[in-house]
Amino acid sequence: MQRLALFDLDNTLIDLDEDFLVWAEEFAEEHALGPEATGWLLALDRAGYPHRQAFFAKVRDHFALPWSVDELWSCYRERMPYLVRCRPEVMDGLSRLRATGWKVAIVTNGTADNQLGKIQRTGLAEAVDAYVLSGAEGIRKPDVGLFEIAAGRCGVTLDGGGWAIGDNPVTDIAGGRAAGLRTIWIDRGTSTGHDHQADHVVTDVLQAVEILQVQQ
């Protein structure tokens, strides 16, 4: 099997939940929403509104904000790249993989401006061989096409196999399996009721890197 590792971005290479908390606190303070606002925003996020347009429609209605959903969402996309961080040890892990012959890419769902901003601001753009954004390509994981584009940008095809690593049992794990890849699920304890069928289950991306390093 070829040394190809396709990593998810949010809550895989970066801790988006942690960064979202910082954003929620800033947002609540900036708009004087009151002491309960941060908790409400976090609960809404966890309640299953990952698409931010739907999320901000709820936020606008709940707090009776004067801005449009598109304006709120646009401000969020502009701000988040400045809040996200990639741990130095994760960057080091990616560097070690590439130094031992692995082709490494990021395959992420999300709007192109937001996701590209995160990848560039964290330094991940230089830490991987390629990245593919659903918002730029017009297809989303678990569509196999997004994995195919990532492999192609690494100079290989999916015929040689490889690995998909991510926190979502549907988009990352089921999608990776459909693409003919072995998979590592990062179980953050937030996905229930899904039969992930991953080859390995870990709780941190650094453990996934360790698994890859011993593969032949």
Foldseek 3Di string as FASTA:
>chain_A
DAQEEEEADDVAQWPVLVLVLVVQVVVCVVVVQDDCRSVVLSVLCLVDPVPQLVSLVVVCVVSVDPDDSVVVVVVCLVPSLVRIEGDPVSLVLLQVSVVVPHAYEYQYEDAPSSVVSNCVSHVVVVSHQYYFYCNVVVDAFLPLVSVQVRQVSSVHGCVVEYEFEEADLGRTQVSNVVSVYAYEHQDCPSDPDDPSPHPYYHNHNVVVSVVSVPDD
